[in-house]
Protein backbone atom coordinates (compact mmCIF):
# COMPACT_ATOMS: atom_id res chain seq x y z
CA MET A 1 18.00 5.58 7.54
CA THR A 2 16.65 9.08 6.92
CA SER A 3 14.88 10.27 10.04
CA GLY A 4 11.12 9.83 10.20
CA ALA A 5 8.57 10.11 12.96
CA GLU A 6 7.29 6.92 14.55
CA GLY A 7 4.45 6.86 17.04
CA PHE A 8 0.87 5.98 17.82
CA LEU A 9 -2.34 7.85 17.23
CA ASN A 10 -5.85 7.15 18.46
CA VAL A 11 -8.53 6.33 15.90
CA ARG A 12 -11.92 5.17 17.24
CA GLU A 13 -10.26 4.38 20.56
CA LEU A 14 -7.68 2.13 18.88
CA ARG A 15 -3.96 2.87 19.12
CA ILE A 16 -2.59 2.76 15.57
CA ARG A 17 1.17 2.63 15.03
CA TYR A 18 2.64 4.64 12.16
CA TRP A 19 5.90 5.81 10.63
CA SER A 20 5.85 9.03 8.61
CA TYR A 21 8.19 11.35 6.76
CA LYS A 22 7.39 14.86 5.45
CA LEU A 23 3.62 14.61 5.62
CA ASP A 24 3.21 18.32 6.39
CA ARG A 25 1.28 20.47 3.94
CA GLU A 26 4.38 22.18 2.53
CA SER A 27 6.11 18.90 1.76
CA ILE A 28 3.14 17.47 -0.15
CA SER A 29 2.22 20.67 -1.95
CA GLU A 30 1.47 20.72 -5.66
CA GLY A 31 4.58 20.04 -7.73
CA SER A 32 6.31 17.91 -5.10
CA ARG A 33 6.65 14.14 -5.25
CA PRO A 34 3.46 12.31 -4.22
CA PRO A 35 3.19 10.63 -0.83
CA VAL A 36 3.68 6.88 -0.76
CA VAL A 37 1.52 4.91 1.69
CA LEU A 38 2.63 1.44 2.76
CA PHE A 39 0.41 -1.31 4.12
CA HIS A 40 1.74 -4.76 5.12
CA GLY A 41 0.84 -8.43 4.88
CA TYR A 42 -0.79 -10.56 7.57
CA SER A 43 2.49 -11.83 9.05
CA PHE A 44 4.38 -8.53 8.75
CA SER A 45 4.48 -4.92 9.93
CA ILE A 46 6.17 -1.53 9.44
CA ASP A 47 9.38 -3.18 10.68
CA ASP A 48 9.70 -5.22 7.49
CA TRP A 49 9.68 -2.09 5.34
CA LYS A 50 12.45 -0.79 7.58
CA ARG A 51 14.40 -4.02 7.45
CA ILE A 52 14.60 -4.26 3.67
CA GLY A 53 15.33 -0.55 3.29
CA THR A 54 12.10 0.62 1.58
CA LEU A 55 11.53 3.51 3.99
CA SER A 56 15.12 4.65 3.57
CA LEU A 57 14.92 4.36 -0.21
CA LEU A 58 11.76 6.46 -0.47
CA THR A 59 12.93 9.19 1.87
CA LYS A 60 16.33 9.43 0.13
CA ASN A 61 14.40 9.99 -3.10
CA ASN A 62 12.35 12.73 -1.40
CA TYR A 63 8.98 10.97 -1.31
CA PRO A 64 6.72 11.77 1.64
CA VAL A 65 5.90 8.46 3.33
CA LEU A 66 3.25 7.04 5.60
CA ALA A 67 3.60 3.40 6.75
CA LEU A 68 0.86 1.95 8.94
CA ASP A 69 0.62 -1.03 11.22
CA LEU A 70 -2.89 -2.10 10.33
CA PRO A 71 -5.43 -3.05 13.01
CA SER A 72 -5.15 -6.65 11.83
CA GLY A 73 -2.33 -9.07 11.19
CA LYS A 74 -0.22 -11.38 13.32
CA VAL A 75 2.65 -9.04 14.29
CA SER A 76 1.09 -5.58 13.89
CA ARG A 77 1.70 -3.50 17.01
CA SER A 78 -1.53 -1.56 16.53
CA ASP A 79 -4.61 -2.47 18.51
CA LYS A 80 -6.59 -5.14 16.69
CA SER A 81 -10.20 -4.89 15.66
CA GLU A 82 -12.78 -6.77 13.63
CA PHE A 83 -14.69 -4.82 10.96
CA SER A 84 -18.13 -5.63 9.62
CA ASP A 85 -16.95 -5.53 6.01
CA GLU A 86 -14.24 -4.07 3.77
CA ASN A 87 -16.16 -0.80 3.37
CA GLU A 88 -16.12 -0.23 7.11
CA TYR A 89 -12.38 -1.06 7.17
CA SER A 90 -11.80 1.49 4.38
CA ARG A 91 -13.67 4.17 6.31
CA PHE A 92 -11.44 3.44 9.31
CA ILE A 93 -8.34 3.80 7.13
CA GLU A 94 -9.71 7.10 5.79
CA GLU A 95 -10.06 8.38 9.35
CA THR A 96 -6.48 7.27 10.03
CA PHE A 97 -5.27 9.17 6.98
CA ARG A 98 -7.08 12.27 8.20
CA LYS A 99 -5.43 11.96 11.61
CA ASN A 100 -2.04 11.72 9.92
CA GLY A 101 -2.74 14.83 7.81
CA LEU A 102 -2.77 12.99 4.47
CA ILE A 103 -6.38 14.11 3.95
CA GLU A 104 -7.52 17.56 5.13
CA GLY A 105 -11.21 18.30 4.79
CA ASP A 106 -12.18 17.60 1.19
CA ILE A 107 -8.65 18.30 -0.04
CA THR A 108 -6.50 15.30 -0.83
CA LYS A 109 -3.02 15.19 -2.30
CA SER A 110 -3.21 12.07 -4.45
CA PHE A 111 -0.95 9.34 -3.15
CA VAL A 112 0.46 5.99 -4.22
CA LEU A 113 -0.75 3.03 -2.19
CA VAL A 114 1.45 -0.07 -1.77
CA GLY A 115 0.05 -3.30 -0.40
CA PRO A 116 1.28 -6.91 -0.27
CA SER A 117 -1.09 -9.85 0.25
CA MET A 118 -3.60 -8.85 2.97
CA GLY A 119 -2.47 -5.23 2.60
CA GLY A 120 -2.98 -5.46 -1.15
CA GLY A 121 -6.59 -6.52 -0.66
CA LEU A 122 -7.11 -3.61 1.71
CA ALA A 123 -5.44 -1.26 -0.79
CA ILE A 124 -7.96 -2.35 -3.44
CA SER A 125 -10.82 -1.85 -1.00
CA TYR A 126 -9.63 1.66 -0.27
CA ALA A 127 -9.19 2.45 -3.98
CA LEU A 128 -12.78 1.34 -4.62
CA HIS A 129 -13.93 3.43 -1.64
CA ARG A 130 -12.08 6.65 -2.59
CA PRO A 131 -10.57 6.35 -6.07
CA LYS A 132 -9.90 10.08 -6.30
CA ASP A 133 -7.30 9.73 -3.51
CA ILE A 134 -5.17 7.28 -5.45
CA LEU A 135 -2.55 8.24 -8.00
CA GLY A 136 -1.30 4.69 -8.38
CA LEU A 137 -1.55 1.21 -6.87
CA ILE A 138 1.31 -1.20 -6.28
CA LEU A 139 -0.10 -4.60 -5.40
CA ILE A 140 2.10 -7.52 -4.44
CA SER A 141 0.17 -10.81 -4.69
CA PRO A 142 -2.95 -9.12 -3.23
CA ALA A 143 -5.53 -11.11 -1.30
CA LEU A 144 -8.80 -10.45 -3.15
CA LYS A 145 -12.34 -10.85 -1.92
CA VAL A 146 -15.27 -11.95 -4.07
CA THR A 147 -16.99 -8.57 -3.71
CA GLN A 148 -13.84 -6.79 -4.91
CA ASP A 149 -13.46 -9.11 -7.88
CA ARG A 150 -16.82 -7.95 -9.26
CA GLU A 151 -15.77 -4.28 -9.12
CA LEU A 152 -12.21 -4.39 -10.39
CA SER A 153 -13.05 -3.32 -13.92
CA SER A 154 -14.27 0.01 -12.53
CA LEU A 155 -10.80 0.99 -11.30
CA ASP A 156 -9.26 3.52 -13.66
CA ILE A 157 -5.96 3.78 -11.78
CA PRO A 158 -2.41 2.98 -12.97
CA THR A 159 -1.61 -0.30 -11.26
CA LEU A 160 1.60 -2.26 -10.90
CA LEU A 161 1.18 -5.94 -10.07
CA ILE A 162 4.20 -7.70 -8.63
CA TRP A 163 4.26 -11.46 -8.25
CA GLY A 164 6.77 -14.06 -7.18
CA GLU A 165 7.40 -16.70 -9.79
CA LYS A 166 7.19 -19.39 -7.07
CA ASP A 167 4.21 -17.96 -5.17
CA ASP A 168 2.45 -21.04 -3.75
CA VAL A 169 -0.26 -19.02 -1.97
CA PHE A 170 -1.67 -17.19 -5.03
CA PRO A 171 0.04 -18.88 -8.00
CA VAL A 172 0.79 -16.66 -11.01
CA GLU A 173 -1.31 -18.50 -13.60
CA GLU A 174 -4.36 -18.81 -11.35
CA TYR A 175 -4.36 -15.34 -9.80
CA ALA A 176 -1.94 -12.85 -11.40
CA GLN A 177 -2.92 -13.24 -15.04
CA PRO A 178 -6.73 -13.03 -14.40
CA LEU A 179 -6.23 -9.98 -12.16
CA LYS A 180 -4.20 -8.20 -14.83
CA ALA A 181 -6.94 -8.89 -17.38
CA LYS A 182 -9.54 -7.25 -15.14
CA LEU A 183 -7.52 -4.06 -14.45
CA ALA A 184 -7.49 -1.89 -17.57
CA HIS A 185 -4.42 0.17 -16.58
CA SER A 186 -2.19 -2.49 -15.09
CA LYS A 187 1.10 -4.15 -15.81
CA LEU A 188 2.46 -7.35 -14.30
CA VAL A 189 6.06 -7.94 -13.23
CA ILE A 190 7.08 -11.45 -12.16
CA LEU A 191 10.14 -11.80 -9.94
CA LYS A 192 12.07 -14.96 -10.69
CA ASN A 193 12.86 -17.35 -7.85
CA ALA A 194 10.67 -15.34 -5.44
CA GLY A 195 7.81 -16.64 -3.35
CA HIS A 196 4.59 -15.09 -2.05
CA ALA A 197 6.40 -12.24 -0.25
CA ALA A 198 8.35 -11.40 -3.41
CA TYR A 199 9.39 -7.97 -2.15
CA LEU A 200 11.12 -9.55 0.83
CA ASP A 201 12.73 -12.30 -1.25
CA LYS A 202 14.07 -9.88 -3.86
CA PRO A 203 14.22 -6.44 -2.22
CA ASP A 204 16.73 -4.90 -4.66
CA GLU A 205 14.64 -5.89 -7.69
CA PHE A 206 11.49 -4.74 -5.94
CA HIS A 207 13.01 -1.35 -5.14
CA ASP A 208 14.12 -0.80 -8.76
CA ILE A 209 10.62 -1.62 -10.00
CA LEU A 210 9.05 0.55 -7.33
CA LEU A 211 11.08 3.64 -8.23
CA ASP A 212 10.58 3.11 -11.97
CA PHE A 213 6.81 2.98 -11.49
CA LEU A 214 6.76 6.06 -9.26
CA GLU A 215 8.73 8.01 -11.85
CA GLU A 216 6.47 6.76 -14.63
CA ILE A 217 3.19 7.87 -13.06
CA THR A 218 4.46 11.20 -11.73
């Protein structure tokens, strides 16, 4: 895998694990490929993006990358914390991005945010919190909250929805189709014979779709 930097940084006295590649100002200057930020699901971590080759794929295609172990989730190696609501969580993530150099002062290089399940819900929260930061959203069976559901129509961001045909946590008909209807600039891709963690079940198909979407919006 292309070399990246892995480590921990302190945000509000919590140790947050990250993996990054080319997040310096020169690498994310105007005209370069946009950074891609990766969250994870409740039962997963940065290590799963490594395992299926997503980090390697993005770096080989010259995308700056930031992958975070969130301060929640069963196997995240970051310190865990409870937040009062999703807005407070989004402010914490914003501080983490600033520590990583993704945001400097009031200057933000727009980035693409990828989130499966729990991470997808947090990606939506962040997009509602700071929509100007987000060039595109890639949501894989995201876990939505009622408060988010009321605000979805306000998101004017290109969004790719990825769902497993056999998702038994958030079934396609009950969750994917209504979500697509609420997001004005979204498209839905259903991966056949994949479950809730469709990107892990079908990594090659997921990677093809991911790169196509990145090329499309940039």
